[in-house]
N, C-alpha and C. Protein backbone atom coordinates (compact mmCIF):
# COMPACT_ATOMS: atom_id res chain seq x y z
N MET A 1 157.73 89.16 65.07
CA MET A 1 156.52 89.24 65.82
C MET A 1 156.42 88.01 66.72
N ASN A 2 156.06 88.22 67.94
CA ASN A 2 155.94 87.06 68.79
C ASN A 2 154.51 86.52 68.72
N ARG A 3 154.30 85.38 69.29
CA ARG A 3 153.04 84.67 69.17
C ARG A 3 151.87 85.45 69.79
N ARG A 4 152.09 86.15 70.84
CA ARG A 4 151.04 86.90 71.51
C ARG A 4 150.47 87.96 70.60
N HIS A 5 151.28 88.70 69.93
CA HIS A 5 150.81 89.73 69.00
C HIS A 5 150.08 89.13 67.83
N LYS A 6 150.45 87.93 67.43
CA LYS A 6 149.77 87.29 66.32
C LYS A 6 148.34 86.93 66.70
N LEU A 7 148.08 86.50 67.92
CA LEU A 7 146.72 86.14 68.32
C LEU A 7 145.82 87.39 68.38
N LEU A 8 146.33 88.45 68.86
CA LEU A 8 145.53 89.66 68.96
C LEU A 8 145.24 90.25 67.59
N ALA A 9 146.11 90.09 66.71
CA ALA A 9 145.93 90.68 65.40
C ALA A 9 145.19 89.76 64.46
N HIS A 10 144.89 88.56 64.85
CA HIS A 10 144.23 87.60 63.98
C HIS A 10 142.84 88.11 63.64
N PRO A 11 142.44 88.13 62.37
CA PRO A 11 141.15 88.66 61.95
C PRO A 11 139.97 87.93 62.58
N THR A 12 140.06 86.66 62.85
CA THR A 12 138.93 85.92 63.45
C THR A 12 138.69 86.41 64.87
N SER A 13 139.76 86.67 65.62
CA SER A 13 139.62 87.15 67.00
C SER A 13 138.99 88.53 67.03
N VAL A 14 139.40 89.39 66.14
CA VAL A 14 138.87 90.75 66.10
C VAL A 14 137.39 90.70 65.71
N GLY A 15 137.04 89.88 64.79
CA GLY A 15 135.65 89.75 64.34
C GLY A 15 134.76 89.22 65.44
N ALA A 16 135.23 88.25 66.19
CA ALA A 16 134.44 87.67 67.27
C ALA A 16 134.18 88.70 68.37
N VAL A 17 135.19 89.48 68.68
CA VAL A 17 135.04 90.53 69.70
C VAL A 17 134.04 91.57 69.22
N ALA A 18 134.10 91.95 67.97
CA ALA A 18 133.19 92.96 67.42
C ALA A 18 131.75 92.47 67.47
N ILE A 19 131.53 91.21 67.09
CA ILE A 19 130.18 90.65 67.12
C ILE A 19 129.66 90.58 68.55
N ALA A 20 130.50 90.19 69.49
CA ALA A 20 130.10 90.11 70.89
C ALA A 20 129.70 91.48 71.43
N LEU A 21 130.43 92.51 71.03
CA LEU A 21 130.11 93.86 71.49
C LEU A 21 128.79 94.35 70.89
N LEU A 22 128.49 93.96 69.69
CA LEU A 22 127.23 94.37 69.07
C LEU A 22 126.04 93.61 69.66
N VAL A 23 126.19 92.34 69.93
CA VAL A 23 125.09 91.52 70.41
C VAL A 23 124.82 91.75 71.89
N LEU A 24 125.84 91.96 72.70
CA LEU A 24 125.71 92.08 74.14
C LEU A 24 124.77 93.22 74.55
N PRO A 25 124.93 94.46 74.04
CA PRO A 25 124.01 95.51 74.46
C PRO A 25 122.56 95.21 74.05
N ALA A 26 122.34 94.59 72.93
CA ALA A 26 120.99 94.26 72.50
C ALA A 26 120.37 93.24 73.46
N ALA A 27 121.13 92.28 73.89
CA ALA A 27 120.61 91.27 74.80
C ALA A 27 120.28 91.89 76.16
N VAL A 28 121.10 92.83 76.63
CA VAL A 28 120.86 93.49 77.91
C VAL A 28 119.62 94.39 77.79
N ALA A 29 119.48 95.12 76.72
CA ALA A 29 118.36 96.02 76.53
C ALA A 29 117.04 95.27 76.50
N PHE A 30 117.00 94.11 75.91
CA PHE A 30 115.77 93.34 75.84
C PHE A 30 115.48 92.59 77.14
N GLY A 31 116.41 92.52 78.06
CA GLY A 31 116.24 91.82 79.33
C GLY A 31 115.80 92.76 80.44
N GLN A 32 115.42 94.01 80.13
CA GLN A 32 115.01 94.98 81.14
C GLN A 32 113.55 95.37 80.94
N ASP A 33 112.94 95.88 82.04
CA ASP A 33 111.60 96.42 81.96
C ASP A 33 111.49 97.53 83.01
N VAL A 34 110.58 98.43 82.83
CA VAL A 34 110.40 99.54 83.76
C VAL A 34 108.92 99.65 84.11
N ALA A 35 108.65 99.94 85.38
CA ALA A 35 107.28 100.19 85.83
C ALA A 35 107.27 101.48 86.64
N THR A 36 106.19 102.20 86.55
CA THR A 36 106.07 103.45 87.29
C THR A 36 104.90 103.33 88.26
N GLY A 37 105.17 103.57 89.53
CA GLY A 37 104.12 103.62 90.55
C GLY A 37 103.87 105.08 90.88
N SER A 38 103.02 105.32 91.86
CA SER A 38 102.78 106.70 92.25
C SER A 38 102.57 106.78 93.76
N ALA A 39 102.76 107.96 94.27
CA ALA A 39 102.49 108.23 95.68
C ALA A 39 101.24 109.08 95.74
N THR A 40 100.32 108.73 96.66
CA THR A 40 99.10 109.51 96.80
C THR A 40 98.89 109.88 98.26
N ALA A 41 98.26 110.97 98.49
CA ALA A 41 97.92 111.40 99.85
C ALA A 41 96.68 112.29 99.77
N THR A 42 95.84 112.17 100.76
CA THR A 42 94.64 113.01 100.85
C THR A 42 94.70 113.76 102.17
N VAL A 43 94.70 115.06 102.10
CA VAL A 43 94.69 115.88 103.30
C VAL A 43 93.23 116.07 103.71
N GLN A 44 92.94 115.77 104.96
CA GLN A 44 91.57 115.85 105.46
C GLN A 44 91.14 117.30 105.68
N THR A 45 89.88 117.49 105.94
CA THR A 45 89.30 118.80 106.21
C THR A 45 90.05 119.49 107.36
N ALA A 46 90.37 120.74 107.16
CA ALA A 46 91.07 121.51 108.20
C ALA A 46 90.17 121.68 109.42
N LEU A 47 90.79 121.74 110.58
CA LEU A 47 90.06 122.01 111.82
C LEU A 47 89.80 123.51 111.96
N ALA A 48 88.66 123.83 112.51
CA ALA A 48 88.36 125.22 112.86
C ALA A 48 87.67 125.19 114.21
N VAL A 49 87.98 126.15 115.04
CA VAL A 49 87.35 126.24 116.35
C VAL A 49 86.88 127.67 116.56
N SER A 50 85.69 127.80 117.16
CA SER A 50 85.18 129.14 117.43
C SER A 50 84.56 129.16 118.83
N ALA A 51 84.64 130.32 119.46
CA ALA A 51 83.99 130.53 120.76
C ALA A 51 82.62 131.12 120.47
N ASP A 52 81.58 130.32 120.67
CA ASP A 52 80.23 130.74 120.31
C ASP A 52 79.47 131.42 121.45
N ASN A 53 79.88 131.15 122.67
CA ASN A 53 79.20 131.76 123.82
C ASN A 53 80.21 131.90 124.95
N ASN A 54 80.18 133.03 125.64
CA ASN A 54 81.06 133.24 126.79
C ASN A 54 80.49 132.59 128.03
N LEU A 55 81.35 132.30 128.98
CA LEU A 55 80.92 131.85 130.30
C LEU A 55 80.44 133.09 131.04
N ILE A 56 79.13 133.15 131.29
CA ILE A 56 78.51 134.36 131.85
C ILE A 56 77.93 134.04 133.22
N PHE A 57 78.41 134.77 134.21
CA PHE A 57 77.88 134.62 135.57
C PHE A 57 76.83 135.70 135.81
N PRO A 58 75.85 135.43 136.67
CA PRO A 58 74.86 136.47 136.98
C PRO A 58 75.50 137.59 137.80
N ALA A 59 74.75 138.64 138.03
CA ALA A 59 75.23 139.73 138.89
C ALA A 59 75.61 139.14 140.25
N LEU A 60 76.77 139.55 140.73
CA LEU A 60 77.32 138.98 141.97
C LEU A 60 77.30 139.99 143.10
N PHE A 61 77.31 139.46 144.32
CA PHE A 61 77.45 140.31 145.50
C PHE A 61 78.83 140.05 146.11
N GLN A 62 79.39 141.07 146.71
CA GLN A 62 80.69 140.93 147.38
C GLN A 62 80.61 139.80 148.41
N GLY A 63 81.63 138.95 148.38
CA GLY A 63 81.72 137.87 149.36
C GLY A 63 80.82 136.68 149.11
N VAL A 64 80.06 136.66 148.01
CA VAL A 64 79.14 135.56 147.73
C VAL A 64 79.58 134.87 146.43
N ALA A 65 80.08 133.65 146.54
CA ALA A 65 80.52 132.89 145.37
C ALA A 65 79.31 132.43 144.56
N ASP A 66 79.53 132.21 143.27
CA ASP A 66 78.46 131.70 142.41
C ASP A 66 79.06 130.77 141.37
N SER A 67 78.28 129.76 141.01
CA SER A 67 78.73 128.77 140.02
C SER A 67 77.81 128.77 138.81
N MET A 68 78.38 128.36 137.68
CA MET A 68 77.60 128.17 136.47
C MET A 68 77.86 126.74 136.00
N ALA A 69 76.80 125.97 135.84
CA ALA A 69 76.94 124.58 135.40
C ALA A 69 77.26 124.52 133.91
N ASN A 70 77.76 123.37 133.45
CA ASN A 70 78.12 123.24 132.04
C ASN A 70 76.92 122.90 131.16
N GLU A 71 75.71 122.87 131.71
CA GLU A 71 74.54 122.55 130.88
C GLU A 71 73.56 123.71 130.74
N ASN A 72 73.99 124.93 130.98
CA ASN A 72 73.13 126.10 130.83
C ASN A 72 73.28 126.65 129.42
N ASP A 73 72.22 126.60 128.63
CA ASP A 73 72.30 127.01 127.22
C ASP A 73 72.73 128.46 127.03
N ASP A 74 72.32 129.35 127.94
CA ASP A 74 72.59 130.77 127.76
C ASP A 74 73.90 131.24 128.38
N SER A 75 74.38 130.57 129.43
CA SER A 75 75.51 131.11 130.18
C SER A 75 76.76 130.24 130.20
N THR A 76 76.66 129.02 129.70
CA THR A 76 77.82 128.14 129.63
C THR A 76 78.74 128.59 128.51
N ALA A 77 80.05 128.53 128.72
CA ALA A 77 80.97 128.79 127.61
C ALA A 77 80.78 127.68 126.59
N GLN A 78 80.67 128.07 125.31
CA GLN A 78 80.45 127.08 124.26
C GLN A 78 81.44 127.30 123.13
N PHE A 79 82.15 126.24 122.79
CA PHE A 79 83.10 126.24 121.68
C PHE A 79 82.63 125.24 120.64
N SER A 80 82.71 125.60 119.36
CA SER A 80 82.38 124.70 118.26
C SER A 80 83.65 124.32 117.52
N ILE A 81 83.78 123.03 117.24
CA ILE A 81 84.92 122.52 116.48
C ILE A 81 84.36 121.88 115.21
N THR A 82 84.87 122.29 114.06
CA THR A 82 84.47 121.65 112.81
C THR A 82 85.71 121.06 112.16
N GLY A 83 85.51 119.94 111.48
CA GLY A 83 86.62 119.25 110.83
C GLY A 83 86.15 117.95 110.21
N GLN A 84 87.10 117.06 109.96
CA GLN A 84 86.82 115.77 109.34
C GLN A 84 86.01 114.89 110.31
N GLY A 85 84.82 114.50 109.90
CA GLY A 85 83.96 113.67 110.74
C GLY A 85 84.64 112.40 111.21
N SER A 86 84.46 112.08 112.48
CA SER A 86 84.97 110.87 113.15
C SER A 86 86.48 110.85 113.35
N ALA A 87 87.16 111.94 113.05
CA ALA A 87 88.62 112.00 113.26
C ALA A 87 88.93 112.32 114.72
N GLY A 88 89.97 111.68 115.26
CA GLY A 88 90.38 111.93 116.64
C GLY A 88 91.03 113.29 116.80
N VAL A 89 90.76 113.94 117.92
CA VAL A 89 91.34 115.25 118.19
C VAL A 89 91.84 115.33 119.63
N ASN A 90 92.85 116.13 119.83
CA ASN A 90 93.32 116.49 121.17
C ASN A 90 92.71 117.84 121.51
N LEU A 91 92.16 117.93 122.71
CA LEU A 91 91.52 119.15 123.18
C LEU A 91 92.26 119.64 124.42
N GLN A 92 92.57 120.93 124.45
CA GLN A 92 93.22 121.48 125.63
C GLN A 92 92.65 122.86 125.92
N LEU A 93 92.12 122.99 127.13
CA LEU A 93 91.64 124.29 127.59
C LEU A 93 92.73 124.97 128.40
N THR A 94 92.96 126.24 128.12
CA THR A 94 93.84 127.07 128.94
C THR A 94 92.91 127.96 129.74
N LEU A 95 92.92 127.73 131.05
CA LEU A 95 91.93 128.36 131.92
C LEU A 95 92.58 129.40 132.84
N PRO A 96 91.90 130.50 133.06
CA PRO A 96 92.44 131.55 133.94
C PRO A 96 92.25 131.19 135.42
N GLU A 97 93.05 131.82 136.26
CA GLU A 97 92.87 131.69 137.72
C GLU A 97 92.13 132.90 138.27
N TYR A 98 92.17 133.98 137.51
CA TYR A 98 91.55 135.23 137.95
C TYR A 98 90.84 135.89 136.78
N MET A 99 89.84 136.69 137.12
CA MET A 99 89.21 137.61 136.19
C MET A 99 89.63 139.00 136.67
N ALA A 100 89.71 139.95 135.75
CA ALA A 100 90.19 141.29 136.13
C ALA A 100 89.30 142.37 135.55
N LEU A 101 89.31 143.51 136.23
CA LEU A 101 88.68 144.70 135.68
C LEU A 101 89.48 145.14 134.46
N ALA A 102 88.86 145.84 133.54
CA ALA A 102 89.53 146.27 132.31
C ALA A 102 90.79 147.09 132.60
N ASP A 103 90.77 147.90 133.64
CA ASP A 103 91.95 148.73 133.96
C ASP A 103 92.98 147.97 134.81
N GLY A 104 92.66 146.71 135.18
CA GLY A 104 93.60 145.89 135.94
C GLY A 104 93.68 146.23 137.41
N SER A 105 92.79 147.10 137.90
CA SER A 105 92.90 147.55 139.29
C SER A 105 92.43 146.52 140.32
N ASP A 106 91.68 145.51 139.90
CA ASP A 106 91.23 144.49 140.85
C ASP A 106 91.04 143.17 140.10
N ARG A 107 91.20 142.07 140.85
CA ARG A 107 91.02 140.73 140.29
C ARG A 107 90.04 139.95 141.16
N MET A 108 89.41 138.95 140.54
CA MET A 108 88.48 138.08 141.25
C MET A 108 88.83 136.63 140.87
N THR A 109 88.79 135.75 141.84
CA THR A 109 89.13 134.34 141.61
C THR A 109 88.06 133.65 140.77
N ILE A 110 88.52 132.90 139.77
CA ILE A 110 87.65 132.01 139.00
C ILE A 110 88.27 130.63 139.09
N SER A 111 87.43 129.62 139.26
CA SER A 111 87.95 128.25 139.39
C SER A 111 87.08 127.29 138.59
N PHE A 112 87.65 126.13 138.34
CA PHE A 112 86.98 125.11 137.53
C PHE A 112 87.11 123.77 138.25
N ARG A 113 85.97 123.13 138.48
CA ARG A 113 85.94 121.85 139.17
C ARG A 113 86.20 120.70 138.19
N SER A 114 86.41 119.53 138.72
CA SER A 114 86.72 118.36 137.89
C SER A 114 85.54 117.86 137.06
N THR A 115 84.38 118.48 137.18
CA THR A 115 83.21 118.08 136.38
C THR A 115 82.62 119.25 135.59
N ASP A 116 83.37 120.31 135.39
CA ASP A 116 82.83 121.52 134.78
C ASP A 116 82.82 121.53 133.24
N ALA A 117 83.29 120.48 132.59
CA ALA A 117 83.32 120.48 131.12
C ALA A 117 82.49 119.32 130.56
N ALA A 118 82.02 119.49 129.34
CA ALA A 118 81.35 118.42 128.59
C ALA A 118 81.82 118.52 127.14
N VAL A 119 81.97 117.37 126.50
CA VAL A 119 82.35 117.31 125.08
C VAL A 119 81.21 116.60 124.36
N ASP A 120 80.61 117.28 123.40
CA ASP A 120 79.42 116.80 122.70
C ASP A 120 79.75 116.58 121.23
N SER A 121 79.81 115.33 120.81
CA SER A 121 80.14 115.05 119.40
C SER A 121 78.90 114.85 118.53
N ASN A 122 77.70 115.09 119.09
CA ASN A 122 76.46 114.96 118.32
C ASN A 122 75.79 116.30 118.05
N ASN A 123 76.46 117.40 118.40
CA ASN A 123 75.98 118.74 118.08
C ASN A 123 74.58 119.01 118.65
N THR A 124 74.43 118.74 119.94
CA THR A 124 73.17 119.06 120.61
C THR A 124 73.34 120.41 121.29
N THR A 125 72.66 120.64 122.39
CA THR A 125 72.82 121.88 123.16
C THR A 125 73.29 121.51 124.56
N PRO A 126 73.84 122.45 125.30
CA PRO A 126 74.32 122.12 126.65
C PRO A 126 73.25 121.47 127.53
N SER A 127 72.02 121.92 127.42
CA SER A 127 70.97 121.39 128.30
C SER A 127 70.43 120.04 127.85
N THR A 128 70.68 119.65 126.61
CA THR A 128 70.13 118.38 126.12
C THR A 128 71.20 117.31 125.88
N VAL A 129 72.48 117.64 126.06
CA VAL A 129 73.53 116.65 125.83
C VAL A 129 73.40 115.52 126.86
N VAL A 130 73.53 114.29 126.38
CA VAL A 130 73.48 113.11 127.25
C VAL A 130 74.74 112.28 127.02
N ALA A 131 74.94 111.27 127.86
CA ALA A 131 76.17 110.47 127.79
C ALA A 131 76.42 109.90 126.40
N GLY A 132 75.40 109.52 125.67
CA GLY A 132 75.58 108.97 124.33
C GLY A 132 76.07 109.98 123.32
N ASP A 133 76.01 111.26 123.66
CA ASP A 133 76.45 112.33 122.76
C ASP A 133 77.94 112.61 122.86
N GLY A 134 78.58 112.11 123.89
CA GLY A 134 80.00 112.40 124.09
C GLY A 134 80.42 112.11 125.51
N TRP A 135 80.99 113.11 126.15
CA TRP A 135 81.56 112.95 127.49
C TRP A 135 81.00 114.04 128.39
N LEU A 136 80.27 113.63 129.41
CA LEU A 136 79.67 114.57 130.37
C LEU A 136 80.56 114.71 131.59
N ASP A 137 80.42 115.83 132.27
CA ASP A 137 81.07 116.07 133.56
C ASP A 137 82.56 115.71 133.53
N GLN A 138 83.27 116.33 132.63
CA GLN A 138 84.70 116.08 132.45
C GLN A 138 85.55 117.12 133.17
N ASN A 139 86.76 116.72 133.49
CA ASN A 139 87.73 117.64 134.08
C ASN A 139 88.25 118.57 132.98
N PRO A 140 88.02 119.87 133.07
CA PRO A 140 88.46 120.77 132.00
C PRO A 140 89.98 120.86 131.87
N TYR A 141 90.70 120.42 132.90
CA TYR A 141 92.16 120.41 132.83
C TYR A 141 92.69 119.14 132.17
N ASN A 142 91.81 118.17 131.93
CA ASN A 142 92.20 116.90 131.35
C ASN A 142 91.04 116.36 130.52
N LEU A 143 90.82 116.97 129.36
CA LEU A 143 89.69 116.56 128.52
C LEU A 143 89.95 115.17 127.93
N PRO A 144 88.91 114.45 127.52
CA PRO A 144 89.07 113.05 127.10
C PRO A 144 90.03 112.86 125.93
N ALA A 145 90.90 111.88 126.07
CA ALA A 145 91.87 111.56 125.01
C ALA A 145 91.20 110.92 123.81
N ALA A 146 90.01 110.36 124.00
CA ALA A 146 89.31 109.68 122.90
C ALA A 146 88.36 110.61 122.15
N ALA A 147 88.46 111.91 122.38
CA ALA A 147 87.55 112.86 121.73
C ALA A 147 87.68 112.79 120.21
N VAL A 148 86.56 112.95 119.54
CA VAL A 148 86.53 112.93 118.08
C VAL A 148 85.67 114.07 117.58
N VAL A 149 85.91 114.45 116.33
CA VAL A 149 84.98 115.35 115.65
C VAL A 149 83.76 114.49 115.34
N GLY A 150 82.59 114.99 115.60
CA GLY A 150 81.37 114.21 115.36
C GLY A 150 81.27 113.75 113.92
N SER A 151 80.54 112.67 113.69
CA SER A 151 80.43 112.12 112.34
C SER A 151 79.86 113.14 111.36
N GLY A 152 79.09 114.10 111.85
CA GLY A 152 78.57 115.17 111.00
C GLY A 152 79.55 116.31 110.79
N GLY A 153 80.76 116.19 111.34
CA GLY A 153 81.78 117.21 111.13
C GLY A 153 81.85 118.28 112.20
N GLN A 154 81.13 118.11 113.31
CA GLN A 154 81.16 119.13 114.37
C GLN A 154 81.16 118.48 115.75
N THR A 155 81.88 119.09 116.67
CA THR A 155 81.89 118.73 118.08
C THR A 155 81.84 120.03 118.87
N ASN A 156 81.18 119.99 120.03
CA ASN A 156 81.07 121.17 120.88
C ASN A 156 81.69 120.88 122.24
N VAL A 157 82.28 121.90 122.83
CA VAL A 157 82.80 121.81 124.19
C VAL A 157 82.05 122.84 125.02
N TYR A 158 81.50 122.38 126.16
CA TYR A 158 80.75 123.25 127.06
C TYR A 158 81.53 123.35 128.37
N LEU A 159 81.55 124.55 128.95
CA LEU A 159 82.33 124.77 130.17
C LEU A 159 81.57 125.64 131.16
N GLY A 160 81.51 125.15 132.39
CA GLY A 160 80.99 125.93 133.50
C GLY A 160 82.14 126.35 134.39
N GLY A 161 81.86 126.99 135.51
CA GLY A 161 82.92 127.41 136.42
C GLY A 161 82.34 128.08 137.66
N LYS A 162 83.24 128.62 138.46
CA LYS A 162 82.83 129.25 139.71
C LYS A 162 83.65 130.51 139.92
N VAL A 163 82.99 131.59 140.33
CA VAL A 163 83.69 132.83 140.69
C VAL A 163 83.49 133.09 142.18
N THR A 164 84.52 133.66 142.78
CA THR A 164 84.49 133.92 144.22
C THR A 164 84.93 135.36 144.48
N PRO A 165 83.97 136.28 144.53
CA PRO A 165 84.33 137.67 144.84
C PRO A 165 84.69 137.80 146.33
N SER A 166 85.63 138.65 146.61
CA SER A 166 86.00 138.89 148.01
C SER A 166 84.97 139.81 148.66
N VAL A 167 85.04 139.95 149.97
CA VAL A 167 84.09 140.84 150.68
C VAL A 167 84.35 142.30 150.34
N SER A 168 85.53 142.59 149.82
CA SER A 168 85.84 143.98 149.45
C SER A 168 86.03 144.11 147.93
N GLN A 169 85.40 143.24 147.16
CA GLN A 169 85.56 143.23 145.71
C GLN A 169 85.08 144.56 145.11
N THR A 170 85.90 145.16 144.26
CA THR A 170 85.52 146.39 143.58
C THR A 170 84.40 146.11 142.60
N ALA A 171 83.41 146.96 142.57
CA ALA A 171 82.29 146.80 141.64
C ALA A 171 82.78 147.03 140.21
N GLY A 172 82.23 146.29 139.26
CA GLY A 172 82.59 146.46 137.86
C GLY A 172 82.52 145.15 137.09
N ALA A 173 82.82 145.26 135.80
CA ALA A 173 82.77 144.10 134.90
C ALA A 173 84.14 143.45 134.83
N TYR A 174 84.23 142.18 135.18
CA TYR A 174 85.47 141.42 135.20
C TYR A 174 85.50 140.47 134.00
N THR A 175 86.66 140.31 133.41
CA THR A 175 86.80 139.41 132.26
C THR A 175 88.11 138.61 132.37
N ALA A 176 88.14 137.50 131.64
CA ALA A 176 89.34 136.68 131.52
C ALA A 176 89.21 135.86 130.24
N ASP A 177 90.34 135.49 129.67
CA ASP A 177 90.34 134.68 128.46
C ASP A 177 90.28 133.19 128.80
N ILE A 178 89.46 132.47 128.06
CA ILE A 178 89.41 131.01 128.10
C ILE A 178 89.77 130.56 126.69
N ILE A 179 90.79 129.74 126.58
CA ILE A 179 91.30 129.35 125.26
C ILE A 179 91.16 127.85 125.07
N LEU A 180 90.58 127.44 123.94
CA LEU A 180 90.50 126.03 123.57
C LEU A 180 91.43 125.81 122.38
N THR A 181 92.37 124.89 122.54
CA THR A 181 93.29 124.51 121.46
C THR A 181 92.90 123.12 120.99
N VAL A 182 92.79 122.95 119.68
CA VAL A 182 92.36 121.68 119.10
C VAL A 182 93.34 121.27 118.01
N ALA A 183 93.71 119.98 117.99
CA ALA A 183 94.60 119.46 116.96
C ALA A 183 94.22 118.02 116.64
N TYR A 184 94.32 117.66 115.36
CA TYR A 184 94.11 116.24 115.00
C TYR A 184 95.20 115.41 115.66
N ASN A 185 94.86 114.19 116.06
CA ASN A 185 95.85 113.31 116.67
C ASN A 185 96.17 112.07 115.82
N GLY A 186 95.59 112.00 114.63
CA GLY A 186 95.92 110.91 113.71
C GLY A 186 95.08 109.66 113.89
N SER A 187 94.13 109.67 114.83
CA SER A 187 93.31 108.47 114.99
C SER A 187 91.93 108.68 114.40
């Protein structure tokens, strides 16, 4: 037997290795600790939007244009937005260029001026909304970026417009869709 094999086979060496293997895992196990955290999230109140009143023009005559202001309680288009109070929202109106007869046989021009919209975050009425309630005389193609759901959970959008019948406009009831899209913006 050579000297190398004698050292490995020596009972003291084997005993020391065995003790080290038994003690080492115990020392490692007692040197550890575990903590558990958690992830939390709160989803805010869902947005809802409704068209509460249509944009209604009075009876028209051929060739005579007529406008409806955004502060007429009975005839202004009115949209209600409900959601998380004081949360920022993006508002986008999709506006028609024409109104049409139900059968599509004739169209009439409808237009919107740069002051035909109002955004009311205090839930008043079109005729009583003031500057402190939101944004008056807004461009309906570019509604305010700072719009919010009112602190009470509701905001209203009011819209006026103008129709221009031609001198040969066909008599009848004309309609067009006005669409308001609303989304939270994270502010």
